């Protein structure tokens, strides 16, 4: 009887662990492809071209025409990143990744809840891209390495 209970317990634990695993899933929209997990779902959000959400993270992306940005003097990725932060009323130290994209961290309060974001900017042939990974502010530090892993999967047109 004891062995049966042990076997059933082990089986149940293994079933729970298998059920908790996530699979990689690639999402594509508006010139951006990213591989996250199957825990993300796509949602339609006003003013965001591409929005994905899981229980713990969000990803959002917009693209802007280089031609239209040239009229306001934005012609480089560095200028674009500065413009994105200024337009959002944010100041942050901007870094360049080994893959060439620019990134910065900032916080924002939404409905009395503090969120931490990793802003990423990319340059494509005809567009600049703004992307954000986000989570609760208290979790940003521990999620940074995960966000860098996900950023490595980003492909733009």
Foldseek 3Di string as FASTA:
>chain_A
DVVVVVVVVVVVVVVVVVVPDWAWDWDDFDQKIWIDTPQWDWDDDPPFRTWIDHPFKIKTKDKDFCVVVVVVPDNDQVSVVVVVCVVVVHDFDWDADPVGKIWTKDWDADPNFIKIWIWIWDDDPTIIMIMIMMGGPVCVVVCVVVVVVRVVRMDGD
